[in-house]
Amino acid sequence: MRADRKKVEPLLRTARGQLDGVLKMIEDDRYCMDIAAQLQAVESLVHKAQREVLRAHLSGCVRQAFEADDEQAREDKIGEIVRLLDKT
């Protein structure tokens, strides 16, 4: 992975902690809007981590494919990004 682990790992560890908190809120039968707000916070952290991984992929792997004299490598990298975007 080319992404900066010092950026990605804390985001995901925080998201994991918040998700554990959400599960506890559900067990405690907390107010649904409070749970929804915490889920949104988890989602935001995961999204930030994903952006960091994608940023590194684009500036590293994809750039390398476009600098190489390999049309298939370029098409493969574009395809990877398109498939990922199609899943969102």
PDB file of N, CA and C in Angstrom:
ATOM      1  N   MET A   1       0.849  -1.167   0.000  1.00  0.00           N
ATOM      2  CA  MET A   1       0.000   0.000   0.000  1.00  0.00           C
ATOM      3  C   MET A   1       0.900   1.236   0.000  1.00  0.00           C
ATOM      4  N   ARG A   2       0.597   2.157  -0.881  1.00  0.00           N
ATOM      5  CA  ARG A   2       1.388   3.368  -1.002  1.00  0.00           C
ATOM      6  C   ARG A   2       0.866   4.516  -0.140  1.00  0.00           C
ATOM      7  N   ALA A   3      -0.322   4.373   0.382  1.00  0.00           N
ATOM      8  CA  ALA A   3      -0.896   5.440   1.203  1.00  0.00           C
ATOM      9  C   ALA A   3      -0.101   5.581   2.499  1.00  0.00           C
ATOM     10  N   ASP A   4      -0.131   6.759   3.054  1.00  0.00           N
ATOM     11  CA  ASP A   4       0.562   7.051   4.302  1.00  0.00           C
ATOM     12  C   ASP A   4      -0.170   6.361   5.455  1.00  0.00           C
ATOM     13  N   ARG A   5       0.447   5.321   5.971  1.00  0.00           N
ATOM     14  CA  ARG A   5      -0.174   4.551   7.053  1.00  0.00           C
ATOM     15  C   ARG A   5      -0.444   5.424   8.270  1.00  0.00           C
ATOM     16  N   LYS A   6       0.382   6.441   8.480  1.00  0.00           N
ATOM     17  CA  LYS A   6       0.202   7.322   9.634  1.00  0.00           C
ATOM     18  C   LYS A   6      -1.057   8.168   9.509  1.00  0.00           C
ATOM     19  N   LYS A   7      -1.581   8.276   8.301  1.00  0.00           N
ATOM     20  CA  LYS A   7      -2.845   8.981   8.090  1.00  0.00           C
ATOM     21  C   LYS A   7      -4.032   8.015   8.107  1.00  0.00           C
ATOM     22  N   VAL A   8      -3.860   6.867   7.464  1.00  0.00           N
ATOM     23  CA  VAL A   8      -4.972   5.934   7.277  1.00  0.00           C
ATOM     24  C   VAL A   8      -5.296   5.157   8.559  1.00  0.00           C
ATOM     25  N   GLU A   9      -4.288   4.628   9.214  1.00  0.00           N
ATOM     26  CA  GLU A   9      -4.540   3.790  10.388  1.00  0.00           C
ATOM     27  C   GLU A   9      -5.285   4.505  11.507  1.00  0.00           C
ATOM     28  N   PRO A  10      -4.896   5.730  11.879  1.00  0.00           N
ATOM     29  CA  PRO A  10      -5.657   6.395  12.957  1.00  0.00           C
ATOM     30  C   PRO A  10      -7.122   6.640  12.589  1.00  0.00           C
ATOM     31  N   LEU A  11      -7.370   6.951  11.337  1.00  0.00           N
ATOM     32  CA  LEU A  11      -8.755   7.151  10.904  1.00  0.00           C
ATOM     33  C   LEU A  11      -9.566   5.872  11.089  1.00  0.00           C
ATOM     34  N   LEU A  12      -8.996   4.757  10.676  1.00  0.00           N
ATOM     35  CA  LEU A  12      -9.721   3.489  10.767  1.00  0.00           C
ATOM     36  C   LEU A  12      -9.827   2.989  12.202  1.00  0.00           C
ATOM     37  N   ARG A  13      -8.810   3.231  12.999  1.00  0.00           N
ATOM     38  CA  ARG A  13      -8.887   2.847  14.418  1.00  0.00           C
ATOM     39  C   ARG A  13      -9.963   3.668  15.141  1.00  0.00           C
ATOM     40  N   THR A  14     -10.038   4.941  14.815  1.00  0.00           N
ATOM     41  CA  THR A  14     -11.073   5.786  15.410  1.00  0.00           C
ATOM     42  C   THR A  14     -12.455   5.327  14.958  1.00  0.00           C
ATOM     43  N   ALA A  15     -12.583   5.012  13.673  1.00  0.00           N
ATOM     44  CA  ALA A  15     -13.870   4.521  13.153  1.00  0.00           C
ATOM     45  C   ALA A  15     -14.269   3.229  13.844  1.00  0.00           C
ATOM     46  N   ARG A  16     -13.304   2.346  14.051  1.00  0.00           N
ATOM     47  CA  ARG A  16     -13.601   1.082  14.731  1.00  0.00           C
ATOM     48  C   ARG A  16     -14.085   1.354  16.159  1.00  0.00           C
ATOM     49  N   GLY A  17     -13.429   2.270  16.847  1.00  0.00           N
ATOM     50  CA  GLY A  17     -13.859   2.615  18.197  1.00  0.00           C
ATOM     51  C   GLY A  17     -15.253   3.208  18.220  1.00  0.00           C
ATOM     52  N   GLN A  18     -15.525   4.078  17.266  1.00  0.00           N
ATOM     53  CA  GLN A  18     -16.869   4.669  17.190  1.00  0.00           C
ATOM     54  C   GLN A  18     -17.911   3.613  16.862  1.00  0.00           C
ATOM     55  N   LEU A  19     -17.568   2.675  16.002  1.00  0.00           N
ATOM     56  CA  LEU A  19     -18.511   1.618  15.652  1.00  0.00           C
ATOM     57  C   LEU A  19     -18.809   0.741  16.873  1.00  0.00           C
ATOM     58  N   ASP A  20     -17.781   0.457  17.668  1.00  0.00           N
ATOM     59  CA  ASP A  20     -18.026  -0.265  18.921  1.00  0.00           C
ATOM     60  C   ASP A  20     -18.974   0.525  19.817  1.00  0.00           C
ATOM     61  N   GLY A  21     -18.794   1.845  19.832  1.00  0.00           N
ATOM     62  CA  GLY A  21     -19.687   2.703  20.606  1.00  0.00           C
ATOM     63  C   GLY A  21     -21.115   2.650  20.097  1.00  0.00           C
ATOM     64  N   VAL A  22     -21.276   2.592  18.786  1.00  0.00           N
ATOM     65  CA  VAL A  22     -22.614   2.496  18.189  1.00  0.00           C
ATOM     66  C   VAL A  22     -23.276   1.183  18.612  1.00  0.00           C
ATOM     67  N   LEU A  23     -22.519   0.105  18.590  1.00  0.00           N
ATOM     68  CA  LEU A  23     -23.085  -1.180  19.017  1.00  0.00           C
ATOM     69  C   LEU A  23     -23.545  -1.117  20.473  1.00  0.00           C
ATOM     70  N   LYS A  24     -22.763  -0.453  21.307  1.00  0.00           N
ATOM     71  CA  LYS A  24     -23.142  -0.281  22.712  1.00  0.00           C
ATOM     72  C   LYS A  24     -24.410   0.575  22.823  1.00  0.00           C
ATOM     73  N   MET A  25     -24.494   1.610  21.987  1.00  0.00           N
ATOM     74  CA  MET A  25     -25.690   2.453  21.992  1.00  0.00           C
ATOM     75  C   MET A  25     -26.924   1.633  21.626  1.00  0.00           C
ATOM     76  N   ILE A  26     -26.773   0.738  20.674  1.00  0.00           N
ATOM     77  CA  ILE A  26     -27.897  -0.116  20.256  1.00  0.00           C
ATOM     78  C   ILE A  26     -28.286  -1.042  21.401  1.00  0.00           C
ATOM     79  N   GLU A  27     -27.275  -1.646  22.052  1.00  0.00           N
ATOM     80  CA  GLU A  27     -27.556  -2.524  23.196  1.00  0.00           C
ATOM     81  C   GLU A  27     -28.283  -1.770  24.308  1.00  0.00           C
ATOM     82  N   ASP A  28     -27.915  -0.497  24.474  1.00  0.00           N
ATOM     83  CA  ASP A  28     -28.520   0.331  25.528  1.00  0.00           C
ATOM     84  C   ASP A  28     -29.835   0.962  25.094  1.00  0.00           C
ATOM     85  N   ASP A  29     -30.280   0.631  23.884  1.00  0.00           N
ATOM     86  CA  ASP A  29     -31.547   1.139  23.353  1.00  0.00           C
ATOM     87  C   ASP A  29     -31.586   2.662  23.331  1.00  0.00           C
ATOM     88  N   ARG A  30     -30.495   3.261  22.842  1.00  0.00           N
ATOM     89  CA  ARG A  30     -30.393   4.720  22.776  1.00  0.00           C
ATOM     90  C   ARG A  30     -31.273   5.271  21.653  1.00  0.00           C
ATOM     91  N   TYR A  31     -31.474   6.554  21.682  1.00  0.00           N
ATOM     92  CA  TYR A  31     -32.317   7.266  20.719  1.00  0.00           C
ATOM     93  C   TYR A  31     -31.767   7.071  19.300  1.00  0.00           C
ATOM     94  N   CYS A  32     -32.658   6.763  18.374  1.00  0.00           N
ATOM     95  CA  CYS A  32     -32.252   6.405  17.015  1.00  0.00           C
ATOM     96  C   CYS A  32     -31.467   7.510  16.301  1.00  0.00           C
ATOM     97  N   MET A  33     -31.816   8.760  16.538  1.00  0.00           N
ATOM     98  CA  MET A  33     -31.098   9.848  15.869  1.00  0.00           C
ATOM     99  C   MET A  33     -29.676   9.997  16.403  1.00  0.00           C
ATOM    100  N   ASP A  34     -29.465   9.683  17.677  1.00  0.00           N
ATOM    101  CA  ASP A  34     -28.109   9.695  18.222  1.00  0.00           C
ATOM    102  C   ASP A  34     -27.271   8.592  17.564  1.00  0.00           C
ATOM    103  N   ILE A  35     -27.874   7.442  17.374  1.00  0.00           N
ATOM    104  CA  ILE A  35     -27.194   6.327  16.711  1.00  0.00           C
ATOM    105  C   ILE A  35     -26.890   6.695  15.263  1.00  0.00           C
ATOM    106  N   ALA A  36     -27.856   7.280  14.579  1.00  0.00           N
ATOM    107  CA  ALA A  36     -27.659   7.676  13.184  1.00  0.00           C
ATOM    108  C   ALA A  36     -26.521   8.691  13.057  1.00  0.00           C
ATOM    109  N   ALA A  37     -26.441   9.626  13.983  1.00  0.00           N
ATOM    110  CA  ALA A  37     -25.374  10.629  13.950  1.00  0.00           C
ATOM    111  C   ALA A  37     -24.006   9.968  14.135  1.00  0.00           C
ATOM    112  N   GLN A  38     -23.920   9.005  15.024  1.00  0.00           N
ATOM    113  CA  GLN A  38     -22.651   8.314  15.236  1.00  0.00           C
ATOM    114  C   GLN A  38     -22.277   7.451  14.029  1.00  0.00           C
ATOM    115  N   LEU A  39     -23.269   6.847  13.411  1.00  0.00           N
ATOM    116  CA  LEU A  39     -22.998   6.080  12.189  1.00  0.00           C
ATOM    117  C   LEU A  39     -22.483   6.989  11.079  1.00  0.00           C
ATOM    118  N   GLN A  40     -23.031   8.182  11.008  1.00  0.00           N
ATOM    119  CA  GLN A  40     -22.561   9.140  10.017  1.00  0.00           C
ATOM    120  C   GLN A  40     -21.100   9.520  10.284  1.00  0.00           C
ATOM    121  N   ALA A  41     -20.730   9.649  11.546  1.00  0.00           N
ATOM    122  CA  ALA A  41     -19.349   9.965  11.905  1.00  0.00           C
ATOM    123  C   ALA A  41     -18.412   8.824  11.498  1.00  0.00           C
ATOM    124  N   VAL A  42     -18.853   7.586  11.716  1.00  0.00           N
ATOM    125  CA  VAL A  42     -18.052   6.423  11.310  1.00  0.00           C
ATOM    126  C   VAL A  42     -17.872   6.429   9.791  1.00  0.00           C
ATOM    127  N   GLU A  43     -18.955   6.656   9.093  1.00  0.00           N
ATOM    128  CA  GLU A  43     -18.929   6.692   7.634  1.00  0.00           C
ATOM    129  C   GLU A  43     -17.954   7.766   7.129  1.00  0.00           C
ATOM    130  N   SER A  44     -17.957   8.904   7.761  1.00  0.00           N
ATOM    131  CA  SER A  44     -17.072   9.999   7.363  1.00  0.00           C
ATOM    132  C   SER A  44     -15.604   9.621   7.535  1.00  0.00           C
ATOM    133  N   LEU A  45     -15.279   8.982   8.634  1.00  0.00           N
ATOM    134  CA  LEU A  45     -13.895   8.564   8.862  1.00  0.00           C
ATOM    135  C   LEU A  45     -13.446   7.515   7.851  1.00  0.00           C
ATOM    136  N   VAL A  46     -14.311   6.570   7.557  1.00  0.00           N
ATOM    137  CA  VAL A  46     -13.974   5.535   6.570  1.00  0.00           C
ATOM    138  C   VAL A  46     -13.797   6.179   5.196  1.00  0.00           C
ATOM    139  N   HIS A  47     -14.641   7.136   4.883  1.00  0.00           N
ATOM    140  CA  HIS A  47     -14.542   7.839   3.600  1.00  0.00           C
ATOM    141  C   HIS A  47     -13.215   8.601   3.502  1.00  0.00           C
ATOM    142  N   LYS A  48     -12.798   9.246   4.582  1.00  0.00           N
ATOM    143  CA  LYS A  48     -11.521   9.957   4.587  1.00  0.00           C
ATOM    144  C   LYS A  48     -10.359   8.990   4.377  1.00  0.00           C
ATOM    145  N   ALA A  49     -10.427   7.834   5.009  1.00  0.00           N
ATOM    146  CA  ALA A  49      -9.379   6.827   4.832  1.00  0.00           C
ATOM    147  C   ALA A  49      -9.354   6.339   3.385  1.00  0.00           C
ATOM    148  N   GLN A  50     -10.523   6.105   2.813  1.00  0.00           N
ATOM    149  CA  GLN A  50     -10.600   5.663   1.428  1.00  0.00           C
ATOM    150  C   GLN A  50     -10.015   6.709   0.480  1.00  0.00           C
ATOM    151  N   ARG A  51     -10.317   7.975   0.723  1.00  0.00           N
ATOM    152  CA  ARG A  51      -9.770   9.050  -0.116  1.00  0.00           C
ATOM    153  C   ARG A  51      -8.254   9.063  -0.065  1.00  0.00           C
ATOM    154  N   GLU A  52      -7.703   8.856   1.113  1.00  0.00           N
ATOM    155  CA  GLU A  52      -6.249   8.850   1.261  1.00  0.00           C
ATOM    156  C   GLU A  52      -5.626   7.678   0.485  1.00  0.00           C
ATOM    157  N   VAL A  53      -6.246   6.515   0.567  1.00  0.00           N
ATOM    158  CA  VAL A  53      -5.748   5.343  -0.171  1.00  0.00           C
ATOM    159  C   VAL A  53      -5.856   5.589  -1.672  1.00  0.00           C
ATOM    160  N   LEU A  54      -6.973   6.131  -2.122  1.00  0.00           N
ATOM    161  CA  LEU A  54      -7.153   6.416  -3.552  1.00  0.00           C
ATOM    162  C   LEU A  54      -6.192   7.498  -4.037  1.00  0.00           C
ATOM    163  N   ARG A  55      -5.967   8.515  -3.214  1.00  0.00           N
ATOM    164  CA  ARG A  55      -5.028   9.579  -3.575  1.00  0.00           C
ATOM    165  C   ARG A  55      -3.637   8.988  -3.801  1.00  0.00           C
ATOM    166  N   ALA A  56      -3.226   8.118  -2.900  1.00  0.00           N
ATOM    167  CA  ALA A  56      -1.914   7.479  -3.033  1.00  0.00           C
ATOM    168  C   ALA A  56      -1.871   6.578  -4.267  1.00  0.00           C
ATOM    169  N   HIS A  57      -2.953   5.869  -4.531  1.00  0.00           N
ATOM    170  CA  HIS A  57      -3.013   4.994  -5.704  1.00  0.00           C
ATOM    171  C   HIS A  57      -2.887   5.807  -6.994  1.00  0.00           C
ATOM    172  N   LEU A  58      -3.618   6.911  -7.037  1.00  0.00           N
ATOM    173  CA  LEU A  58      -3.567   7.754  -8.238  1.00  0.00           C
ATOM    174  C   LEU A  58      -2.189   8.376  -8.433  1.00  0.00           C
ATOM    175  N   SER A  59      -1.605   8.884  -7.366  1.00  0.00           N
ATOM    176  CA  SER A  59      -0.315   9.560  -7.515  1.00  0.00           C
ATOM    177  C   SER A  59       0.845   8.581  -7.623  1.00  0.00           C
ATOM    178  N   GLY A  60       0.622   7.325  -7.270  1.00  0.00           N
ATOM    179  CA  GLY A  60       1.680   6.325  -7.352  1.00  0.00           C
ATOM    180  C   GLY A  60       1.445   5.329  -8.479  1.00  0.00           C
ATOM    181  N   CYS A  61       0.587   4.390  -8.241  1.00  0.00           N
ATOM    182  CA  CYS A  61       0.346   3.284  -9.183  1.00  0.00           C
ATOM    183  C   CYS A  61      -0.165   3.770 -10.537  1.00  0.00           C
ATOM    184  N   VAL A  62      -1.162   4.645 -10.514  1.00  0.00           N
ATOM    185  CA  VAL A  62      -1.747   5.112 -11.772  1.00  0.00           C
ATOM    186  C   VAL A  62      -0.754   5.982 -12.531  1.00  0.00           C
ATOM    187  N   ARG A  63      -0.081   6.886 -11.822  1.00  0.00           N
ATOM    188  CA  ARG A  63       0.925   7.726 -12.486  1.00  0.00           C
ATOM    189  C   ARG A  63       2.011   6.853 -13.125  1.00  0.00           C
ATOM    190  N   GLN A  64       2.449   5.843 -12.402  1.00  0.00           N
ATOM    191  CA  GLN A  64       3.481   4.941 -12.927  1.00  0.00           C
ATOM    192  C   GLN A  64       3.003   4.243 -14.196  1.00  0.00           C
ATOM    193  N   ALA A  65       1.755   3.809 -14.210  1.00  0.00           N
ATOM    194  CA  ALA A  65       1.214   3.147 -15.401  1.00  0.00           C
ATOM    195  C   ALA A  65       1.154   4.096 -16.588  1.00  0.00           C
ATOM    196  N   PHE A  66       0.842   5.372 -16.330  1.00  0.00           N
ATOM    197  CA  PHE A  66       0.743   6.334 -17.427  1.00  0.00           C
ATOM    198  C   PHE A  66       2.110   6.804 -17.906  1.00  0.00           C
ATOM    199  N   GLU A  67       3.107   6.715 -17.059  1.00  0.00           N
ATOM    200  CA  GLU A  67       4.459   7.087 -17.478  1.00  0.00           C
ATOM    201  C   GLU A  67       5.148   5.958 -18.228  1.00  0.00           C
ATOM    202  N   ALA A  68       4.695   4.743 -18.030  1.00  0.00           N
ATOM    203  CA  ALA A  68       5.262   3.581 -18.722  1.00  0.00           C
ATOM    204  C   ALA A  68       4.707   3.515 -20.138  1.00  0.00           C
ATOM    205  N   ASP A  69       5.405   2.844 -20.982  1.00  0.00           N
ATOM    206  CA  ASP A  69       4.954   2.676 -22.370  1.00  0.00           C
ATOM    207  C   ASP A  69       4.160   1.381 -22.479  1.00  0.00           C
ATOM    208  N   ASP A  70       3.035   1.345 -21.755  1.00  0.00           N
ATOM    209  CA  ASP A  70       2.231   0.126 -21.698  1.00  0.00           C
ATOM    210  C   ASP A  70       0.754   0.505 -21.677  1.00  0.00           C
ATOM    211  N   GLU A  71       0.141   0.474 -22.852  1.00  0.00           N
ATOM    212  CA  GLU A  71      -1.262   0.859 -22.994  1.00  0.00           C
ATOM    213  C   GLU A  71      -2.170  -0.016 -22.134  1.00  0.00           C
ATOM    214  N   GLN A  72      -1.867  -1.311 -22.054  1.00  0.00           N
ATOM    215  CA  GLN A  72      -2.699  -2.228 -21.280  1.00  0.00           C
ATOM    216  C   GLN A  72      -2.663  -1.873 -19.789  1.00  0.00           C
ATOM    217  N   ALA A  73      -1.503  -1.502 -19.291  1.00  0.00           N
ATOM    218  CA  ALA A  73      -1.380  -1.110 -17.882  1.00  0.00           C
ATOM    219  C   ALA A  73      -2.230   0.127 -17.606  1.00  0.00           C
ATOM    220  N   ARG A  74      -2.221   1.075 -18.530  1.00  0.00           N
ATOM    221  CA  ARG A  74      -3.037   2.282 -18.362  1.00  0.00           C
ATOM    222  C   ARG A  74      -4.519   1.922 -18.348  1.00  0.00           C
ATOM    223  N   GLU A  75      -4.937   1.095 -19.291  1.00  0.00           N
ATOM    224  CA  GLU A  75      -6.341   0.682 -19.349  1.00  0.00           C
ATOM    225  C   GLU A  75      -6.744  -0.084 -18.087  1.00  0.00           C
ATOM    226  N   ASP A  76      -5.851  -0.918 -17.581  1.00  0.00           N
ATOM    227  CA  ASP A  76      -6.143  -1.678 -16.356  1.00  0.00           C
ATOM    228  C   ASP A  76      -6.366  -0.747 -15.175  1.00  0.00           C
ATOM    229  N   LYS A  77      -5.526   0.276 -15.048  1.00  0.00           N
ATOM    230  CA  LYS A  77      -5.661   1.211 -13.927  1.00  0.00           C
ATOM    231  C   LYS A  77      -6.945   2.023 -14.039  1.00  0.00           C
ATOM    232  N   ILE A  78      -7.290   2.442 -15.229  1.00  0.00           N
ATOM    233  CA  ILE A  78      -8.548   3.164 -15.433  1.00  0.00           C
ATOM    234  C   ILE A  78      -9.717   2.253 -15.080  1.00  0.00           C
ATOM    235  N   GLY A  79      -9.654   1.016 -15.518  1.00  0.00           N
ATOM    236  CA  GLY A  79     -10.709   0.043 -15.216  1.00  0.00           C
ATOM    237  C   GLY A  79     -10.893  -0.176 -13.723  1.00  0.00           C
ATOM    238  N   GLU A  80      -9.781  -0.230 -12.989  1.00  0.00           N
ATOM    239  CA  GLU A  80      -9.866  -0.402 -11.533  1.00  0.00           C
ATOM    240  C   GLU A  80     -10.636   0.744 -10.894  1.00  0.00           C
ATOM    241  N   ILE A  81     -10.313   1.946 -11.301  1.00  0.00           N
ATOM    242  CA  ILE A  81     -10.970   3.126 -10.728  1.00  0.00           C
ATOM    243  C   ILE A  81     -12.455   3.140 -11.096  1.00  0.00           C
ATOM    244  N   VAL A  82     -12.759   2.852 -12.340  1.00  0.00           N
ATOM    245  CA  VAL A  82     -14.157   2.850 -12.797  1.00  0.00           C
ATOM    246  C   VAL A  82     -14.956   1.794 -12.028  1.00  0.00           C
ATOM    247  N   ARG A  83     -14.400   0.603 -11.869  1.00  0.00           N
ATOM    248  CA  ARG A  83     -15.119  -0.459 -11.132  1.00  0.00           C
ATOM    249  C   ARG A  83     -15.374  -0.039  -9.689  1.00  0.00           C
ATOM    250  N   LEU A  84     -14.398   0.612  -9.090  1.00  0.00           N
ATOM    251  CA  LEU A  84     -14.587   1.073  -7.718  1.00  0.00           C
ATOM    252  C   LEU A  84     -15.686   2.128  -7.639  1.00  0.00           C
ATOM    253  N   LEU A  85     -15.667   3.076  -8.561  1.00  0.00           N
ATOM    254  CA  LEU A  85     -16.691   4.120  -8.594  1.00  0.00           C
ATOM    255  C   LEU A  85     -18.076   3.544  -8.845  1.00  0.00           C
ATOM    256  N   ASP A  86     -18.159   2.498  -9.647  1.00  0.00           N
ATOM    257  CA  ASP A  86     -19.437   1.864  -9.940  1.00  0.00           C
ATOM    258  C   ASP A  86     -20.042   1.219  -8.683  1.00  0.00           C
ATOM    259  N   LYS A  87     -19.214   0.869  -7.714  1.00  0.00           N
ATOM    260  CA  LYS A  87     -19.693   0.229  -6.488  1.00  0.00           C
ATOM    261  C   LYS A  87     -20.246   1.239  -5.493  1.00  0.00           C
ATOM    262  N   THR A  88     -19.973   2.516  -5.694  1.00  0.00           N
ATOM    263  CA  THR A  88     -20.423   3.515  -4.725  1.00  0.00           C
ATOM    264  C   THR A  88     -21.751   4.114  -5.103  1.00  0.00           C
TER     265      THR A  88
END
